[in-house]
Amino acid sequence: MIWSTAANPAEADAIARALVAERLAACVHTHPVASTYRWQGAVETAAEVALVAKTTAALADAVAARIAALHSYAVPEILVTPITGGSPAYRAWLAESVADPAQG
C-alpha cells in the first residue's frame, strides 16, 4: 500500500484516476484529513486529502514516481507499506487488476 496526501480533492481525484487507469493501482481510497506538520521551520496545519493506493510490491516504485509527477507539492508525501498478509481472494483481485492484459 502506498500512502500519500494531496492539496485538494481535485488533485487527489486526478492522481487516483491516473493510477487506476494506468493499472498501477487496483484501487485508491481518498478521504479528507487535517494535517499538522513542520515545514520550513514552522508548524503548519492544512486541510488535505489522503490517498491510499493498493498495488503490488513490484509496482511500488512506478506508483511513487507517478504520484510525484502528478503532484503539486515540492516534497509530496509518498510512503510505502508492505503487505504481509490478507484475504487471498482480495490479493488475487489486486494482482489481476494491475496486470497488463496484453502480457497474458
N, C-alpha and C. Protein backbone atom coordinates (compact mmCIF):
# COMPACT_ATOMS: atom_id res chain seq x y z
N MET A 1 0.85 -1.17 0.00
CA MET A 1 0.00 0.00 0.00
C MET A 1 0.90 1.23 0.00
N ILE A 2 0.42 2.25 -0.67
CA ILE A 2 1.17 3.50 -0.73
C ILE A 2 0.27 4.61 -0.22
N TRP A 3 0.77 5.34 0.75
CA TRP A 3 0.05 6.45 1.38
C TRP A 3 0.61 7.74 0.83
N SER A 4 -0.28 8.66 0.52
CA SER A 4 0.11 10.00 0.09
C SER A 4 -0.97 10.97 0.51
N THR A 5 -0.72 12.24 0.36
CA THR A 5 -1.73 13.27 0.56
C THR A 5 -1.70 14.21 -0.63
N ALA A 6 -2.84 14.83 -0.89
CA ALA A 6 -2.95 15.80 -1.98
C ALA A 6 -3.46 17.12 -1.41
N ALA A 7 -3.24 18.17 -2.15
CA ALA A 7 -3.61 19.51 -1.68
C ALA A 7 -5.11 19.73 -1.64
N ASN A 8 -5.85 19.02 -2.50
CA ASN A 8 -7.29 19.26 -2.59
C ASN A 8 -7.96 18.06 -3.26
N PRO A 9 -9.30 18.00 -3.21
CA PRO A 9 -10.00 16.85 -3.82
C PRO A 9 -9.74 16.67 -5.31
N ALA A 10 -9.62 17.75 -6.06
CA ALA A 10 -9.39 17.63 -7.49
C ALA A 10 -8.04 16.97 -7.79
N GLU A 11 -7.01 17.38 -7.06
CA GLU A 11 -5.70 16.77 -7.26
C GLU A 11 -5.72 15.30 -6.83
N ALA A 12 -6.36 15.01 -5.71
CA ALA A 12 -6.46 13.62 -5.24
C ALA A 12 -7.18 12.76 -6.26
N ASP A 13 -8.28 13.28 -6.82
CA ASP A 13 -9.03 12.52 -7.82
C ASP A 13 -8.20 12.28 -9.07
N ALA A 14 -7.47 13.28 -9.51
CA ALA A 14 -6.64 13.14 -10.71
C ALA A 14 -5.55 12.08 -10.50
N ILE A 15 -4.93 12.09 -9.33
CA ILE A 15 -3.90 11.09 -9.03
C ILE A 15 -4.52 9.70 -8.95
N ALA A 16 -5.63 9.58 -8.21
CA ALA A 16 -6.29 8.28 -8.05
C ALA A 16 -6.71 7.71 -9.41
N ARG A 17 -7.34 8.54 -10.23
CA ARG A 17 -7.82 8.06 -11.54
C ARG A 17 -6.66 7.65 -12.43
N ALA A 18 -5.57 8.40 -12.42
CA ALA A 18 -4.41 8.06 -13.24
C ALA A 18 -3.82 6.72 -12.80
N LEU A 19 -3.66 6.52 -11.50
CA LEU A 19 -3.07 5.28 -11.01
C LEU A 19 -3.90 4.07 -11.39
N VAL A 20 -5.23 4.18 -11.28
CA VAL A 20 -6.09 3.05 -11.61
C VAL A 20 -6.18 2.87 -13.13
N ALA A 21 -6.35 3.96 -13.87
CA ALA A 21 -6.46 3.87 -15.33
C ALA A 21 -5.19 3.29 -15.95
N GLU A 22 -4.05 3.62 -15.38
CA GLU A 22 -2.76 3.14 -15.90
C GLU A 22 -2.37 1.78 -15.33
N ARG A 23 -3.26 1.17 -14.57
CA ARG A 23 -3.07 -0.15 -13.97
C ARG A 23 -1.88 -0.20 -13.02
N LEU A 24 -1.57 0.94 -12.41
CA LEU A 24 -0.52 0.99 -11.40
C LEU A 24 -1.08 0.65 -10.02
N ALA A 25 -2.37 0.87 -9.83
CA ALA A 25 -3.05 0.55 -8.58
C ALA A 25 -4.39 -0.09 -8.90
N ALA A 26 -4.79 -1.02 -8.06
CA ALA A 26 -6.10 -1.66 -8.24
C ALA A 26 -7.21 -0.77 -7.70
N CYS A 27 -6.91 -0.01 -6.68
CA CYS A 27 -7.90 0.83 -6.00
C CYS A 27 -7.15 1.93 -5.26
N VAL A 28 -7.76 3.10 -5.18
CA VAL A 28 -7.19 4.19 -4.38
C VAL A 28 -8.32 4.79 -3.55
N HIS A 29 -8.15 4.72 -2.24
CA HIS A 29 -9.11 5.38 -1.34
C HIS A 29 -8.68 6.82 -1.14
N THR A 30 -9.65 7.72 -1.09
CA THR A 30 -9.37 9.12 -0.78
C THR A 30 -10.30 9.56 0.34
N HIS A 31 -9.78 10.37 1.23
CA HIS A 31 -10.61 10.91 2.30
C HIS A 31 -9.95 12.16 2.86
N PRO A 32 -10.78 13.13 3.30
CA PRO A 32 -10.23 14.38 3.83
C PRO A 32 -9.53 14.16 5.17
N VAL A 33 -8.44 14.87 5.37
CA VAL A 33 -7.70 14.82 6.63
C VAL A 33 -7.23 16.23 6.98
N ALA A 34 -6.97 16.44 8.26
CA ALA A 34 -6.32 17.66 8.72
C ALA A 34 -4.89 17.27 9.10
N SER A 35 -3.92 17.88 8.49
CA SER A 35 -2.52 17.55 8.71
C SER A 35 -1.82 18.67 9.47
N THR A 36 -1.06 18.30 10.48
CA THR A 36 -0.20 19.23 11.19
C THR A 36 1.22 18.74 11.00
N TYR A 37 2.11 19.64 10.55
CA TYR A 37 3.45 19.23 10.15
C TYR A 37 4.40 20.40 10.27
N ARG A 38 5.69 20.10 10.24
CA ARG A 38 6.72 21.14 10.25
C ARG A 38 7.18 21.35 8.81
N TRP A 39 7.18 22.59 8.35
CA TRP A 39 7.63 22.92 7.00
C TRP A 39 8.38 24.23 7.04
N GLN A 40 9.60 24.21 6.57
CA GLN A 40 10.47 25.38 6.51
C GLN A 40 10.55 26.09 7.86
N GLY A 41 10.70 25.28 8.93
CA GLY A 41 10.92 25.81 10.26
C GLY A 41 9.68 26.21 11.03
N ALA A 42 8.52 26.09 10.44
CA ALA A 42 7.28 26.50 11.12
C ALA A 42 6.33 25.30 11.22
N VAL A 43 5.50 25.32 12.26
CA VAL A 43 4.47 24.30 12.40
C VAL A 43 3.24 24.79 11.64
N GLU A 44 2.77 23.98 10.72
CA GLU A 44 1.64 24.33 9.85
C GLU A 44 0.50 23.34 10.06
N THR A 45 -0.71 23.77 9.76
CA THR A 45 -1.87 22.88 9.72
C THR A 45 -2.60 23.17 8.41
N ALA A 46 -3.00 22.10 7.74
CA ALA A 46 -3.68 22.27 6.45
C ALA A 46 -4.71 21.17 6.24
N ALA A 47 -5.75 21.51 5.54
CA ALA A 47 -6.71 20.50 5.08
C ALA A 47 -6.11 19.86 3.84
N GLU A 48 -6.07 18.54 3.83
CA GLU A 48 -5.54 17.80 2.69
C GLU A 48 -6.48 16.63 2.40
N VAL A 49 -6.16 15.89 1.36
CA VAL A 49 -6.90 14.67 1.04
C VAL A 49 -5.90 13.53 1.06
N ALA A 50 -6.17 12.52 1.89
CA ALA A 50 -5.30 11.36 1.97
C ALA A 50 -5.62 10.40 0.83
N LEU A 51 -4.59 9.76 0.32
CA LEU A 51 -4.74 8.72 -0.70
C LEU A 51 -4.07 7.46 -0.19
N VAL A 52 -4.76 6.34 -0.32
CA VAL A 52 -4.19 5.04 -0.01
C VAL A 52 -4.34 4.18 -1.25
N ALA A 53 -3.22 3.91 -1.91
CA ALA A 53 -3.23 3.16 -3.16
C ALA A 53 -2.86 1.71 -2.89
N LYS A 54 -3.67 0.80 -3.42
CA LYS A 54 -3.39 -0.62 -3.30
C LYS A 54 -2.71 -1.08 -4.58
N THR A 55 -1.50 -1.62 -4.43
CA THR A 55 -0.72 -2.06 -5.57
C THR A 55 0.14 -3.23 -5.15
N THR A 56 1.01 -3.66 -6.02
CA THR A 56 1.93 -4.75 -5.71
C THR A 56 3.31 -4.18 -5.40
N ALA A 57 4.12 -4.98 -4.71
CA ALA A 57 5.47 -4.55 -4.39
C ALA A 57 6.26 -4.24 -5.67
N ALA A 58 6.02 -5.01 -6.71
CA ALA A 58 6.73 -4.81 -7.97
C ALA A 58 6.44 -3.45 -8.61
N LEU A 59 5.26 -2.89 -8.33
CA LEU A 59 4.88 -1.61 -8.93
C LEU A 59 5.09 -0.41 -8.01
N ALA A 60 5.55 -0.63 -6.80
CA ALA A 60 5.66 0.46 -5.82
C ALA A 60 6.48 1.64 -6.33
N ASP A 61 7.63 1.38 -6.92
CA ASP A 61 8.46 2.48 -7.42
C ASP A 61 7.78 3.24 -8.55
N ALA A 62 7.09 2.52 -9.44
CA ALA A 62 6.38 3.18 -10.54
C ALA A 62 5.23 4.03 -10.01
N VAL A 63 4.52 3.53 -9.00
CA VAL A 63 3.43 4.30 -8.40
C VAL A 63 3.99 5.56 -7.75
N ALA A 64 5.06 5.42 -6.99
CA ALA A 64 5.68 6.58 -6.34
C ALA A 64 6.11 7.63 -7.36
N ALA A 65 6.70 7.18 -8.45
CA ALA A 65 7.13 8.12 -9.50
C ALA A 65 5.95 8.81 -10.14
N ARG A 66 4.87 8.09 -10.36
CA ARG A 66 3.69 8.69 -11.00
C ARG A 66 3.03 9.71 -10.07
N ILE A 67 2.94 9.36 -8.78
CA ILE A 67 2.39 10.33 -7.82
C ILE A 67 3.24 11.59 -7.83
N ALA A 68 4.55 11.45 -7.77
CA ALA A 68 5.45 12.61 -7.76
C ALA A 68 5.27 13.46 -9.02
N ALA A 69 5.08 12.81 -10.16
CA ALA A 69 4.93 13.54 -11.42
C ALA A 69 3.63 14.34 -11.48
N LEU A 70 2.58 13.83 -10.84
CA LEU A 70 1.27 14.48 -10.89
C LEU A 70 1.03 15.46 -9.75
N HIS A 71 1.91 15.47 -8.78
CA HIS A 71 1.68 16.19 -7.53
C HIS A 71 2.09 17.65 -7.60
N SER A 72 1.38 18.49 -6.85
CA SER A 72 1.69 19.93 -6.81
C SER A 72 2.70 20.30 -5.73
N TYR A 73 2.94 19.43 -4.77
CA TYR A 73 3.87 19.75 -3.68
C TYR A 73 5.32 19.61 -4.12
N ALA A 74 6.19 20.44 -3.55
CA ALA A 74 7.63 20.31 -3.80
C ALA A 74 8.15 18.99 -3.23
N VAL A 75 7.61 18.57 -2.08
CA VAL A 75 8.00 17.33 -1.44
C VAL A 75 6.73 16.55 -1.09
N PRO A 76 6.17 15.81 -2.05
CA PRO A 76 4.94 15.07 -1.75
C PRO A 76 5.21 13.92 -0.78
N GLU A 77 4.24 13.68 0.07
CA GLU A 77 4.32 12.53 0.98
C GLU A 77 4.04 11.27 0.16
N ILE A 78 5.00 10.35 0.17
CA ILE A 78 4.84 9.06 -0.50
C ILE A 78 5.49 8.02 0.41
N LEU A 79 4.66 7.23 1.06
CA LEU A 79 5.15 6.21 1.98
C LEU A 79 4.65 4.85 1.54
N VAL A 80 5.56 3.88 1.46
CA VAL A 80 5.22 2.53 1.02
C VAL A 80 5.19 1.61 2.23
N THR A 81 4.08 0.88 2.38
CA THR A 81 3.91 -0.08 3.47
C THR A 81 3.75 -1.46 2.86
N PRO A 82 4.65 -2.39 3.18
CA PRO A 82 4.49 -3.74 2.64
C PRO A 82 3.30 -4.45 3.29
N ILE A 83 2.63 -5.25 2.49
CA ILE A 83 1.51 -6.06 2.97
C ILE A 83 2.04 -7.49 3.12
N THR A 84 1.89 -8.04 4.31
CA THR A 84 2.44 -9.37 4.56
C THR A 84 1.35 -10.43 4.70
N GLY A 85 0.10 -10.04 4.57
CA GLY A 85 -0.99 -11.00 4.67
C GLY A 85 -2.27 -10.37 4.18
N GLY A 86 -3.36 -11.09 4.36
CA GLY A 86 -4.65 -10.57 3.95
C GLY A 86 -5.46 -11.62 3.22
N SER A 87 -6.63 -11.23 2.82
CA SER A 87 -7.54 -12.13 2.12
C SER A 87 -6.92 -12.61 0.81
N PRO A 88 -6.79 -13.90 0.63
CA PRO A 88 -6.24 -14.42 -0.64
C PRO A 88 -7.06 -13.96 -1.85
N ALA A 89 -8.38 -13.93 -1.72
CA ALA A 89 -9.23 -13.52 -2.84
C ALA A 89 -8.98 -12.05 -3.19
N TYR A 90 -8.88 -11.19 -2.17
CA TYR A 90 -8.63 -9.77 -2.44
C TYR A 90 -7.25 -9.57 -3.05
N ARG A 91 -6.26 -10.26 -2.53
CA ARG A 91 -4.91 -10.12 -3.06
C ARG A 91 -4.83 -10.62 -4.51
N ALA A 92 -5.58 -11.66 -4.84
CA ALA A 92 -5.63 -12.15 -6.22
C ALA A 92 -6.28 -11.11 -7.12
N TRP A 93 -7.39 -10.50 -6.65
CA TRP A 93 -8.05 -9.45 -7.43
C TRP A 93 -7.10 -8.29 -7.65
N LEU A 94 -6.36 -7.90 -6.61
CA LEU A 94 -5.42 -6.79 -6.72
C LEU A 94 -4.38 -7.10 -7.80
N ALA A 95 -3.78 -8.26 -7.73
CA ALA A 95 -2.75 -8.64 -8.71
C ALA A 95 -3.33 -8.66 -10.12
N GLU A 96 -4.54 -9.17 -10.28
CA GLU A 96 -5.18 -9.22 -11.59
C GLU A 96 -5.49 -7.80 -12.10
N SER A 97 -5.86 -6.91 -11.21
CA SER A 97 -6.25 -5.55 -11.59
C SER A 97 -5.09 -4.71 -12.09
N VAL A 98 -3.88 -5.01 -11.64
CA VAL A 98 -2.73 -4.22 -12.09
C VAL A 98 -1.93 -4.94 -13.17
N ALA A 99 -2.32 -6.18 -13.49
CA ALA A 99 -1.62 -6.92 -14.53
C ALA A 99 -1.93 -6.35 -15.90
N ASP A 100 -0.95 -6.35 -16.75
CA ASP A 100 -1.13 -5.88 -18.13
C ASP A 100 -1.84 -6.99 -18.91
N PRO A 101 -3.09 -6.76 -19.37
CA PRO A 101 -3.79 -7.80 -20.09
C PRO A 101 -3.07 -8.24 -21.37
N ALA A 102 -2.27 -7.37 -21.95
CA ALA A 102 -1.53 -7.71 -23.16
C ALA A 102 -0.43 -8.73 -22.87
N GLN A 103 -0.01 -8.79 -21.63
CA GLN A 103 1.05 -9.72 -21.24
C GLN A 103 0.51 -11.12 -20.95
N GLY A 104 -0.83 -11.24 -20.90
CA GLY A 104 -1.47 -12.54 -20.69
C GLY A 104 -1.39 -12.93 -19.30
